[in-house]
Amino acid sequence: MSAPSNNVERLVLELNHAGRNAIAYLDEDRNSDRPFTLQTYRPYGYTPDRPVVIVQHGVLRNGDDYRDFWIPAADKHKLLIVAPTFSNEIWPGVESYNNGRVYSAGGNVRPVSGWTYVLPQRVFADLREAEITTTEQAYLFGHSAGGQFVHRLMSSQSHAPYKAVAAGNPGWYTLPTFDHPYPEGLDGVGLTEDHLVRLLAYPLTLLAGDQDIATSDPNLPSEPAAMRQGPHRYARAHHYFESGRREAERRGVPFNWQLISVPGIGHDGKAMSAVCASLWFDGGMPDDATMAALAGKTVA
């Protein structure tokens, strides 16, 4: 049996007690020069059979904030929260994070198994090897740039590690079609019809705040490909959902996505985290009083 990796040893050491943590993580396979950080929270009472939630941060690269957004649900339901955090210094710009580092510096397409999107799967595998968790699958949530990351991950990587997946308020989408080159569509980067059919069949949850309708937000993608999807994030979520439904109909294959319009909420990572946690672990949307309390804040 092979010796545990440095990552596994670090996880055993750092995650054996309750509380927040920031753990250095290095993917030796393809990114040995690009470390990232796992912002984690282990609640009192957590046991390895409890759910693991992987949370993908937004454009501010603020995994610590996104971890903290999930702490109330973690304490209530004894969840382990893990927020892989990619600094702008080491993982610069949308190409490295939102768009998955699909192209090399020379413009060549990397193997699909070498894209940034494979890393949450690696982290979860190491959590299992470290026996921090004995669960077979993790929950995966991303908001804003993290929502871009999550739906592109589901467009390109194995779904096997994930029990449930939700993307909240992405700025724009990679459409489920080969009619456009990546990242507007799936063409030209080694993805296949099988990737597309699996994506359409997965019960992907799209969370769209019905007040996420700003058209002049500096972080709202405004290139022509994004603008073709609608004037704001709320419209673009509907455009993506309808594109998926149409592609599935055209192919005669299953379509299992769910689009949930979140009332009163704009571009707010904290509120959308709370809504997602309620859907997954409380069995439905938060009550009206909770929704009213969540409304009115903005966190990228």
C-alpha atoms as a PDB file:
ATOM      1  CA  MET A   1       0.000   0.000   0.000  1.00  0.00           C
ATOM      2  CA  SER A   2       1.394   3.402  -0.958  1.00  0.00           C
ATOM      3  CA  ALA A   3       2.282   5.947   1.698  1.00  0.00           C
ATOM      4  CA  PRO A   4      -0.216   8.753   2.264  1.00  0.00           C
ATOM      5  CA  SER A   5       0.472  11.980   0.414  1.00  0.00           C
ATOM      6  CA  ASN A   6       1.520  15.191   2.136  1.00  0.00           C
ATOM      7  CA  ASN A   7      -2.013  16.477   1.503  1.00  0.00           C
ATOM      8  CA  VAL A   8      -3.555  13.517   3.304  1.00  0.00           C
ATOM      9  CA  GLU A   9      -1.156  13.829   6.248  1.00  0.00           C
ATOM     10  CA  ARG A  10      -1.958  17.550   6.501  1.00  0.00           C
ATOM     11  CA  LEU A  11      -5.706  16.896   6.401  1.00  0.00           C
ATOM     12  CA  VAL A  12      -5.423  14.287   9.160  1.00  0.00           C
ATOM     13  CA  LEU A  13      -3.450  16.729  11.288  1.00  0.00           C
ATOM     14  CA  GLU A  14      -5.477  19.883  10.662  1.00  0.00           C
ATOM     15  CA  LEU A  15      -9.042  18.528  10.456  1.00  0.00           C
ATOM     16  CA  ASN A  16      -9.079  16.348  13.553  1.00  0.00           C
ATOM     17  CA  HIS A  17     -10.577  19.114  15.715  1.00  0.00           C
ATOM     18  CA  ALA A  18     -13.528  21.487  15.554  1.00  0.00           C
ATOM     19  CA  GLY A  19     -13.380  25.031  14.215  1.00  0.00           C
ATOM     20  CA  ARG A  20     -12.170  27.040  11.241  1.00  0.00           C
ATOM     21  CA  ASN A  21      -8.939  26.269   9.448  1.00  0.00           C
ATOM     22  CA  ALA A  22      -6.904  27.267   6.393  1.00  0.00           C
ATOM     23  CA  ILE A  23      -4.999  24.314   4.961  1.00  0.00           C
ATOM     24  CA  ALA A  24      -2.389  24.489   2.203  1.00  0.00           C
ATOM     25  CA  TYR A  25      -3.115  22.057  -0.637  1.00  0.00           C
ATOM     26  CA  LEU A  26      -0.920  21.088  -3.560  1.00  0.00           C
ATOM     27  CA  ASP A  27      -1.986  19.003  -6.556  1.00  0.00           C
ATOM     28  CA  GLU A  28       1.284  17.216  -7.315  1.00  0.00           C
ATOM     29  CA  ASP A  29      -0.122  15.608 -10.459  1.00  0.00           C
ATOM     30  CA  ARG A  30      -0.506  18.624 -12.764  1.00  0.00           C
ATOM     31  CA  ASN A  31      -0.236  21.764 -10.639  1.00  0.00           C
ATOM     32  CA  SER A  32       2.834  21.250  -8.473  1.00  0.00           C
ATOM     33  CA  ASP A  33       3.740  24.934  -8.844  1.00  0.00           C
ATOM     34  CA  ARG A  34       0.219  26.183  -8.040  1.00  0.00           C
ATOM     35  CA  PRO A  35      -0.838  25.636  -4.436  1.00  0.00           C
ATOM     36  CA  PHE A  36      -4.261  26.671  -3.226  1.00  0.00           C
ATOM     37  CA  THR A  37      -5.904  26.853   0.198  1.00  0.00           C
ATOM     38  CA  LEU A  38      -8.742  24.865   1.733  1.00  0.00           C
ATOM     39  CA  GLN A  39     -10.780  27.139   3.968  1.00  0.00           C
ATOM     40  CA  THR A  40     -12.530  24.634   6.226  1.00  0.00           C
ATOM     41  CA  TYR A  41     -14.984  24.449   9.085  1.00  0.00           C
ATOM     42  CA  ARG A  42     -15.602  21.391  11.240  1.00  0.00           C
ATOM     43  CA  PRO A  43     -18.470  21.837  13.721  1.00  0.00           C
ATOM     44  CA  TYR A  44     -18.593  20.318  17.178  1.00  0.00           C
ATOM     45  CA  GLY A  45     -20.351  16.969  16.875  1.00  0.00           C
ATOM     46  CA  TYR A  46     -19.163  16.275  13.319  1.00  0.00           C
ATOM     47  CA  THR A  47     -18.543  12.606  12.582  1.00  0.00           C
ATOM     48  CA  PRO A  48     -17.111  11.117   9.368  1.00  0.00           C
ATOM     49  CA  ASP A  49     -20.514   9.860   8.244  1.00  0.00           C
ATOM     50  CA  ARG A  50     -21.925  13.413   8.077  1.00  0.00           C
ATOM     51  CA  PRO A  51     -22.168  15.309   4.744  1.00  0.00           C
ATOM     52  CA  VAL A  52     -19.267  17.213   3.204  1.00  0.00           C
ATOM     53  CA  VAL A  53     -20.078  20.452   1.371  1.00  0.00           C
ATOM     54  CA  ILE A  54     -17.530  21.816  -1.115  1.00  0.00           C
ATOM     55  CA  VAL A  55     -18.077  25.540  -1.654  1.00  0.00           C
ATOM     56  CA  GLN A  56     -16.664  27.548  -4.578  1.00  0.00           C
ATOM     57  CA  HIS A  57     -16.088  31.247  -3.931  1.00  0.00           C
ATOM     58  CA  GLY A  58     -16.800  34.197  -6.216  1.00  0.00           C
ATOM     59  CA  VAL A  59     -14.639  36.727  -8.051  1.00  0.00           C
ATOM     60  CA  LEU A  60     -13.192  38.147  -4.820  1.00  0.00           C
ATOM     61  CA  ARG A  61     -11.449  34.772  -4.241  1.00  0.00           C
ATOM     62  CA  ASN A  62     -12.877  34.918  -0.728  1.00  0.00           C
ATOM     63  CA  GLY A  63     -13.147  31.289   0.238  1.00  0.00           C
ATOM     64  CA  ASP A  64     -12.936  32.256   3.916  1.00  0.00           C
ATOM     65  CA  ASP A  65     -16.146  34.286   3.578  1.00  0.00           C
ATOM     66  CA  TYR A  66     -17.917  31.507   1.692  1.00  0.00           C
ATOM     67  CA  ARG A  67     -16.879  28.985   4.320  1.00  0.00           C
ATOM     68  CA  ASP A  68     -18.313  31.307   6.967  1.00  0.00           C
ATOM     69  CA  PHE A  69     -21.580  31.723   5.026  1.00  0.00           C
ATOM     70  CA  TRP A  70     -22.127  27.980   5.557  1.00  0.00           C
ATOM     71  CA  ILE A  71     -21.288  27.865   9.273  1.00  0.00           C
ATOM     72  CA  PRO A  72     -24.900  28.228  10.515  1.00  0.00           C
ATOM     73  CA  ALA A  73     -25.951  25.218   8.404  1.00  0.00           C
ATOM     74  CA  ALA A  74     -22.787  23.348   9.403  1.00  0.00           C
ATOM     75  CA  ASP A  75     -23.540  23.789  13.098  1.00  0.00           C
ATOM     76  CA  LYS A  76     -27.204  22.846  12.660  1.00  0.00           C
ATOM     77  CA  HIS A  77     -26.634  19.759  10.527  1.00  0.00           C
ATOM     78  CA  LYS A  78     -23.065  18.765  11.524  1.00  0.00           C
ATOM     79  CA  LEU A  79     -21.632  19.389   8.039  1.00  0.00           C
ATOM     80  CA  LEU A  80     -17.967  19.600   7.094  1.00  0.00           C
ATOM     81  CA  ILE A  81     -17.419  22.713   4.948  1.00  0.00           C
ATOM     82  CA  VAL A  82     -14.468  22.837   2.538  1.00  0.00           C
ATOM     83  CA  ALA A  83     -13.927  25.919   0.361  1.00  0.00           C
ATOM     84  CA  PRO A  84     -11.061  25.471  -2.150  1.00  0.00           C
ATOM     85  CA  THR A  85      -9.627  28.977  -2.507  1.00  0.00           C
ATOM     86  CA  PHE A  86      -7.663  30.042  -5.575  1.00  0.00           C
ATOM     87  CA  SER A  87      -5.638  33.236  -5.121  1.00  0.00           C
ATOM     88  CA  ASN A  88      -5.465  35.701  -8.006  1.00  0.00           C
ATOM     89  CA  GLU A  89      -1.683  35.759  -7.687  1.00  0.00           C
ATOM     90  CA  ILE A  90      -1.225  32.043  -8.371  1.00  0.00           C
ATOM     91  CA  TRP A  91      -4.441  31.403 -10.349  1.00  0.00           C
ATOM     92  CA  PRO A  92      -4.806  34.685 -12.224  1.00  0.00           C
ATOM     93  CA  GLY A  93      -7.968  35.967 -13.841  1.00  0.00           C
ATOM     94  CA  VAL A  94     -11.042  34.278 -15.242  1.00  0.00           C
ATOM     95  CA  GLU A  95      -8.939  31.938 -17.382  1.00  0.00           C
ATOM     96  CA  SER A  96      -7.420  30.149 -14.378  1.00  0.00           C
ATOM     97  CA  TYR A  97     -10.515  29.997 -12.184  1.00  0.00           C
ATOM     98  CA  ASN A  98     -13.935  30.604 -13.796  1.00  0.00           C
ATOM     99  CA  ASN A  99     -12.856  29.164 -17.158  1.00  0.00           C
ATOM    100  CA  GLY A 100     -10.837  26.283 -15.743  1.00  0.00           C
ATOM    101  CA  ARG A 101      -7.329  26.834 -17.131  1.00  0.00           C
ATOM    102  CA  VAL A 102      -8.352  24.945 -20.253  1.00  0.00           C
ATOM    103  CA  TYR A 103      -5.605  26.473 -22.412  1.00  0.00           C
ATOM    104  CA  SER A 104      -1.856  26.425 -21.836  1.00  0.00           C
ATOM    105  CA  ALA A 105       0.187  29.631 -21.946  1.00  0.00           C
ATOM    106  CA  GLY A 106       0.966  28.764 -25.562  1.00  0.00           C
ATOM    107  CA  GLY A 107      -2.717  28.486 -26.454  1.00  0.00           C
ATOM    108  CA  ASN A 108      -2.880  24.695 -26.616  1.00  0.00           C
ATOM    109  CA  VAL A 109      -5.842  22.816 -25.123  1.00  0.00           C
ATOM    110  CA  ARG A 110      -4.967  20.924 -21.956  1.00  0.00           C
ATOM    111  CA  PRO A 111      -6.384  17.417 -21.376  1.00  0.00           C
ATOM    112  CA  VAL A 112      -9.845  17.614 -19.790  1.00  0.00           C
ATOM    113  CA  SER A 113      -8.461  15.741 -16.765  1.00  0.00           C
ATOM    114  CA  GLY A 114      -5.967  18.585 -16.234  1.00  0.00           C
ATOM    115  CA  TRP A 115      -8.431  21.465 -15.995  1.00  0.00           C
ATOM    116  CA  THR A 116      -8.855  23.345 -12.709  1.00  0.00           C
ATOM    117  CA  TYR A 117     -12.294  21.735 -12.353  1.00  0.00           C
ATOM    118  CA  VAL A 118     -10.776  18.363 -11.430  1.00  0.00           C
ATOM    119  CA  LEU A 119      -9.353  19.732  -8.175  1.00  0.00           C
ATOM    120  CA  PRO A 120     -12.464  19.532  -5.932  1.00  0.00           C
ATOM    121  CA  GLN A 121     -12.677  15.846  -6.835  1.00  0.00           C
ATOM    122  CA  ARG A 122      -9.039  15.368  -5.802  1.00  0.00           C
ATOM    123  CA  VAL A 123      -9.638  17.165  -2.517  1.00  0.00           C
ATOM    124  CA  PHE A 124     -12.639  14.979  -1.728  1.00  0.00           C
ATOM    125  CA  ALA A 125     -10.667  11.823  -2.555  1.00  0.00           C
ATOM    126  CA  ASP A 126      -7.969  12.924  -0.112  1.00  0.00           C
ATOM    127  CA  LEU A 127     -10.572  13.654   2.575  1.00  0.00           C
ATOM    128  CA  ARG A 128     -11.773  10.077   2.143  1.00  0.00           C
ATOM    129  CA  GLU A 129      -8.236   8.668   2.244  1.00  0.00           C
ATOM    130  CA  ALA A 130      -7.591  10.667   5.405  1.00  0.00           C
ATOM    131  CA  GLU A 131     -10.795   9.153   6.845  1.00  0.00           C
ATOM    132  CA  ILE A 132     -12.063  12.637   7.632  1.00  0.00           C
ATOM    133  CA  THR A 133     -15.159  11.479   5.753  1.00  0.00           C
ATOM    134  CA  THR A 134     -16.561   8.053   5.002  1.00  0.00           C
ATOM    135  CA  THR A 135     -19.297   9.398   2.711  1.00  0.00           C
ATOM    136  CA  GLU A 136     -19.253   8.313  -0.931  1.00  0.00           C
ATOM    137  CA  GLN A 137     -20.161  11.708  -2.411  1.00  0.00           C
ATOM    138  CA  ALA A 138     -19.876  15.404  -1.566  1.00  0.00           C
ATOM    139  CA  TYR A 139     -22.297  18.280  -2.056  1.00  0.00           C
ATOM    140  CA  LEU A 140     -20.996  21.018  -4.385  1.00  0.00           C
ATOM    141  CA  PHE A 141     -22.121  24.670  -4.357  1.00  0.00           C
ATOM    142  CA  GLY A 142     -20.721  27.699  -6.154  1.00  0.00           C
ATOM    143  CA  HIS A 143     -21.891  31.306  -6.350  1.00  0.00           C
ATOM    144  CA  SER A 144     -21.151  33.975  -8.996  1.00  0.00           C
ATOM    145  CA  ALA A 145     -17.692  33.133 -10.413  1.00  0.00           C
ATOM    146  CA  GLY A 146     -18.001  29.952  -8.350  1.00  0.00           C
ATOM    147  CA  GLY A 147     -21.291  29.231 -10.113  1.00  0.00           C
ATOM    148  CA  GLN A 148     -19.447  29.574 -13.407  1.00  0.00           C
ATOM    149  CA  PHE A 149     -16.808  27.180 -12.081  1.00  0.00           C
ATOM    150  CA  VAL A 150     -19.390  24.634 -10.900  1.00  0.00           C
ATOM    151  CA  HIS A 151     -21.506  24.386 -14.056  1.00  0.00           C
ATOM    152  CA  ARG A 152     -18.374  24.144 -16.230  1.00  0.00           C
ATOM    153  CA  LEU A 153     -17.065  21.438 -13.903  1.00  0.00           C
ATOM    154  CA  MET A 154     -20.298  19.529 -14.458  1.00  0.00           C
ATOM    155  CA  SER A 155     -19.960  20.075 -18.209  1.00  0.00           C
ATOM    156  CA  SER A 156     -16.530  18.477 -18.308  1.00  0.00           C
ATOM    157  CA  GLN A 157     -15.672  16.274 -15.317  1.00  0.00           C
ATOM    158  CA  SER A 158     -16.940  13.102 -13.678  1.00  0.00           C
ATOM    159  CA  HIS A 159     -20.216  13.479 -11.775  1.00  0.00           C
ATOM    160  CA  ALA A 160     -19.472  10.449  -9.595  1.00  0.00           C
ATOM    161  CA  PRO A 161     -18.021  12.421  -6.635  1.00  0.00           C
ATOM    162  CA  TYR A 162     -21.128  14.619  -6.234  1.00  0.00           C
ATOM    163  CA  LYS A 163     -24.372  13.818  -4.442  1.00  0.00           C
ATOM    164  CA  ALA A 164     -25.965  17.191  -5.302  1.00  0.00           C
ATOM    165  CA  VAL A 165     -24.734  20.248  -7.198  1.00  0.00           C
ATOM    166  CA  ALA A 166     -25.996  23.832  -7.258  1.00  0.00           C
ATOM    167  CA  ALA A 167     -24.800  26.918  -9.152  1.00  0.00           C
ATOM    168  CA  GLY A 168     -26.003  30.282  -7.869  1.00  0.00           C
ATOM    169  CA  ASN A 169     -26.052  33.496  -9.924  1.00  0.00           C
ATOM    170  CA  PRO A 170     -23.266  32.843 -12.466  1.00  0.00           C
ATOM    171  CA  GLY A 171     -22.387  35.901 -14.552  1.00  0.00           C
ATOM    172  CA  TRP A 172     -22.726  33.873 -17.740  1.00  0.00           C
ATOM    173  CA  TYR A 173     -22.717  30.274 -18.917  1.00  0.00           C
ATOM    174  CA  THR A 174     -21.042  27.766 -21.189  1.00  0.00           C
ATOM    175  CA  LEU A 175     -24.030  26.742 -23.260  1.00  0.00           C
ATOM    176  CA  PRO A 176     -24.770  23.011 -23.703  1.00  0.00           C
ATOM    177  CA  THR A 177     -24.052  23.001 -27.416  1.00  0.00           C
ATOM    178  CA  PHE A 178     -21.206  22.424 -29.845  1.00  0.00           C
ATOM    179  CA  ASP A 179     -22.404  25.348 -31.966  1.00  0.00           C
ATOM    180  CA  HIS A 180     -20.047  27.735 -30.133  1.00  0.00           C
ATOM    181  CA  PRO A 181     -16.386  27.444 -29.146  1.00  0.00           C
ATOM    182  CA  TYR A 182     -15.460  27.190 -25.465  1.00  0.00           C
ATOM    183  CA  PRO A 183     -16.213  28.995 -23.188  1.00  0.00           C
ATOM    184  CA  GLU A 184     -19.421  30.213 -24.895  1.00  0.00           C
ATOM    185  CA  GLY A 185     -20.164  26.612 -25.877  1.00  0.00           C
ATOM    186  CA  LEU A 186     -18.501  23.219 -25.585  1.00  0.00           C
ATOM    187  CA  ASP A 187     -16.703  23.070 -28.927  1.00  0.00           C
ATOM    188  CA  GLY A 188     -13.000  22.783 -29.610  1.00  0.00           C
ATOM    189  CA  VAL A 189     -11.607  21.659 -26.253  1.00  0.00           C
ATOM    190  CA  GLY A 190     -11.961  17.862 -26.294  1.00  0.00           C
ATOM    191  CA  LEU A 191     -15.484  17.557 -24.900  1.00  0.00           C
ATOM    192  CA  THR A 192     -17.812  15.000 -26.478  1.00  0.00           C
ATOM    193  CA  GLU A 193     -21.475  14.249 -26.956  1.00  0.00           C
ATOM    194  CA  ASP A 194     -21.207  11.966 -23.923  1.00  0.00           C
ATOM    195  CA  HIS A 195     -20.166  14.915 -21.744  1.00  0.00           C
ATOM    196  CA  LEU A 196     -23.185  16.868 -22.962  1.00  0.00           C
ATOM    197  CA  VAL A 197     -25.722  14.081 -22.470  1.00  0.00           C
ATOM    198  CA  ARG A 198     -24.430  13.402 -18.944  1.00  0.00           C
ATOM    199  CA  LEU A 199     -24.687  17.109 -18.111  1.00  0.00           C
ATOM    200  CA  LEU A 200     -28.293  17.340 -19.307  1.00  0.00           C
ATOM    201  CA  ALA A 201     -29.259  14.225 -17.328  1.00  0.00           C
ATOM    202  CA  TYR A 202     -27.716  15.353 -14.037  1.00  0.00           C
ATOM    203  CA  PRO A 203     -30.158  16.926 -11.503  1.00  0.00           C
ATOM    204  CA  LEU A 204     -28.261  20.226 -11.549  1.00  0.00           C
ATOM    205  CA  THR A 205     -29.852  23.004  -9.495  1.00  0.00           C
ATOM    206  CA  LEU A 206     -29.641  26.550 -10.863  1.00  0.00           C
ATOM    207  CA  LEU A 207     -30.347  29.177  -8.214  1.00  0.00           C
ATOM    208  CA  ALA A 208     -31.247  32.598  -9.650  1.00  0.00           C
ATOM    209  CA  GLY A 209     -31.935  35.584  -7.420  1.00  0.00           C
ATOM    210  CA  ASP A 210     -34.862  37.443  -8.956  1.00  0.00           C
ATOM    211  CA  GLN A 211     -33.262  40.755  -7.923  1.00  0.00           C
ATOM    212  CA  ASP A 212     -29.921  39.902  -9.571  1.00  0.00           C
ATOM    213  CA  ILE A 213     -30.851  42.229 -12.404  1.00  0.00           C
ATOM    214  CA  ALA A 214     -28.099  44.860 -12.370  1.00  0.00           C
ATOM    215  CA  THR A 215     -26.813  45.610 -15.871  1.00  0.00           C
ATOM    216  CA  SER A 216     -23.876  47.867 -14.928  1.00  0.00           C
ATOM    217  CA  ASP A 217     -22.164  45.760 -12.242  1.00  0.00           C
ATOM    218  CA  PRO A 218     -18.401  45.920 -13.014  1.00  0.00           C
ATOM    219  CA  ASN A 219     -18.154  42.181 -12.295  1.00  0.00           C
ATOM    220  CA  LEU A 220     -20.968  41.293 -14.720  1.00  0.00           C
ATOM    221  CA  PRO A 221     -19.397  39.771 -17.860  1.00  0.00           C
ATOM    222  CA  SER A 222     -20.164  42.138 -20.729  1.00  0.00           C
ATOM    223  CA  GLU A 223     -18.366  40.619 -23.711  1.00  0.00           C
ATOM    224  CA  PRO A 224     -20.595  39.910 -26.748  1.00  0.00           C
ATOM    225  CA  ALA A 225     -20.908  36.181 -25.970  1.00  0.00           C
ATOM    226  CA  ALA A 226     -22.200  36.968 -22.478  1.00  0.00           C
ATOM    227  CA  MET A 227     -24.531  39.732 -23.657  1.00  0.00           C
ATOM    228  CA  ARG A 228     -26.139  37.310 -26.112  1.00  0.00           C
ATOM    229  CA  GLN A 229     -27.362  35.352 -23.073  1.00  0.00           C
ATOM    230  CA  GLY A 230     -29.290  38.308 -21.609  1.00  0.00           C
ATOM    231  CA  PRO A 231     -28.820  41.734 -20.017  1.00  0.00           C
ATOM    232  CA  HIS A 232     -28.291  40.482 -16.447  1.00  0.00           C
ATOM    233  CA  ARG A 233     -27.639  37.350 -14.411  1.00  0.00           C
ATOM    234  CA  TYR A 234     -31.288  36.524 -13.763  1.00  0.00           C
ATOM    235  CA  ALA A 235     -32.094  36.538 -17.481  1.00  0.00           C
ATOM    236  CA  ARG A 236     -28.978  34.530 -18.287  1.00  0.00           C
ATOM    237  CA  ALA A 237     -29.987  31.761 -15.851  1.00  0.00           C
ATOM    238  CA  HIS A 238     -33.279  31.357 -17.701  1.00  0.00           C
ATOM    239  CA  HIS A 239     -31.474  31.412 -21.048  1.00  0.00           C
ATOM    240  CA  TYR A 240     -29.119  28.638 -19.911  1.00  0.00           C
ATOM    241  CA  PHE A 241     -31.945  26.513 -18.528  1.00  0.00           C
ATOM    242  CA  GLU A 242     -33.990  26.840 -21.734  1.00  0.00           C
ATOM    243  CA  SER A 243     -30.905  26.035 -23.813  1.00  0.00           C
ATOM    244  CA  GLY A 244     -30.485  22.818 -21.857  1.00  0.00           C
ATOM    245  CA  ARG A 245     -34.141  21.877 -22.195  1.00  0.00           C
ATOM    246  CA  ARG A 246     -34.040  22.543 -25.930  1.00  0.00           C
ATOM    247  CA  GLU A 247     -30.850  20.526 -26.481  1.00  0.00           C
ATOM    248  CA  ALA A 248     -32.262  17.568 -24.534  1.00  0.00           C
ATOM    249  CA  GLU A 249     -35.497  17.663 -26.542  1.00  0.00           C
ATOM    250  CA  ARG A 250     -33.587  17.838 -29.788  1.00  0.00           C
ATOM    251  CA  ARG A 251     -31.582  14.758 -28.847  1.00  0.00           C
ATOM    252  CA  GLY A 252     -34.412  12.876 -27.166  1.00  0.00           C
ATOM    253  CA  VAL A 253     -32.364  12.470 -23.976  1.00  0.00           C
ATOM    254  CA  PRO A 254     -33.249  13.059 -20.300  1.00  0.00           C
ATOM    255  CA  PHE A 255     -33.221  16.610 -18.925  1.00  0.00           C
ATOM    256  CA  ASN A 256     -33.122  16.783 -15.148  1.00  0.00           C
ATOM    257  CA  TRP A 257     -32.033  20.336 -14.331  1.00  0.00           C
ATOM    258  CA  GLN A 258     -34.013  22.481 -11.918  1.00  0.00           C
ATOM    259  CA  LEU A 259     -34.175  26.287 -12.082  1.00  0.00           C
ATOM    260  CA  ILE A 260     -35.207  27.893  -8.789  1.00  0.00           C
ATOM    261  CA  SER A 261     -36.031  31.584  -8.758  1.00  0.00           C
ATOM    262  CA  VAL A 262     -35.057  32.974  -5.357  1.00  0.00           C
ATOM    263  CA  PRO A 263     -37.442  35.803  -4.384  1.00  0.00           C
ATOM    264  CA  GLY A 264     -36.091  39.104  -3.135  1.00  0.00           C
ATOM    265  CA  ILE A 265     -32.426  38.147  -3.406  1.00  0.00           C
ATOM    266  CA  GLY A 266     -29.878  39.881  -5.612  1.00  0.00           C
ATOM    267  CA  HIS A 267     -26.196  39.099  -6.094  1.00  0.00           C
ATOM    268  CA  ASP A 268     -25.644  37.858  -2.555  1.00  0.00           C
ATOM    269  CA  GLY A 269     -23.408  34.903  -1.803  1.00  0.00           C
ATOM    270  CA  LYS A 270     -24.401  34.735   1.865  1.00  0.00           C
ATOM    271  CA  ALA A 271     -28.132  34.640   1.122  1.00  0.00           C
ATOM    272  CA  MET A 272     -27.762  32.133  -1.705  1.00  0.00           C
ATOM    273  CA  SER A 273     -25.641  29.889   0.515  1.00  0.00           C
ATOM    274  CA  ALA A 274     -28.398  29.930   3.137  1.00  0.00           C
ATOM    275  CA  VAL A 275     -31.042  29.123   0.511  1.00  0.00           C
ATOM    276  CA  CYS A 276     -29.004  26.237  -0.879  1.00  0.00           C
ATOM    277  CA  ALA A 277     -28.351  24.843   2.604  1.00  0.00           C
ATOM    278  CA  SER A 278     -32.075  24.990   3.373  1.00  0.00           C
ATOM    279  CA  LEU A 279     -32.986  23.210   0.131  1.00  0.00           C
ATOM    280  CA  TRP A 280     -30.465  20.431   0.728  1.00  0.00           C
ATOM    281  CA  PHE A 281     -30.681  19.891   4.471  1.00  0.00           C
ATOM    282  CA  ASP A 282     -34.047  21.305   5.607  1.00  0.00           C
ATOM    283  CA  GLY A 283     -36.051  19.970   2.674  1.00  0.00           C
ATOM    284  CA  GLY A 284     -37.204  23.245   1.132  1.00  0.00           C
ATOM    285  CA  MET A 285     -36.842  27.006   0.811  1.00  0.00           C
ATOM    286  CA  PRO A 286     -36.363  29.100   3.980  1.00  0.00           C
ATOM    287  CA  ASP A 287     -39.549  30.511   5.474  1.00  0.00           C
ATOM    288  CA  ASP A 288     -40.747  34.007   4.560  1.00  0.00           C
ATOM    289  CA  ALA A 289     -39.288  35.632   7.676  1.00  0.00           C
ATOM    290  CA  THR A 290     -35.863  34.124   6.994  1.00  0.00           C
ATOM    291  CA  MET A 291     -36.012  35.175   3.332  1.00  0.00           C
ATOM    292  CA  ALA A 292     -36.918  38.724   4.355  1.00  0.00           C
ATOM    293  CA  ALA A 293     -33.962  38.810   6.740  1.00  0.00           C
ATOM    294  CA  LEU A 294     -31.629  37.563   4.006  1.00  0.00           C
ATOM    295  CA  ALA A 295     -32.733  40.144   1.432  1.00  0.00           C
ATOM    296  CA  GLY A 296     -30.951  43.388   0.744  1.00  0.00           C
ATOM    297  CA  LYS A 297     -27.292  42.474   1.057  1.00  0.00           C
ATOM    298  CA  THR A 298     -24.695  42.190  -1.706  1.00  0.00           C
ATOM    299  CA  VAL A 299     -21.669  39.916  -1.540  1.00  0.00           C
ATOM    300  CA  ALA A 300     -19.765  38.998  -4.721  1.00  0.00           C
END
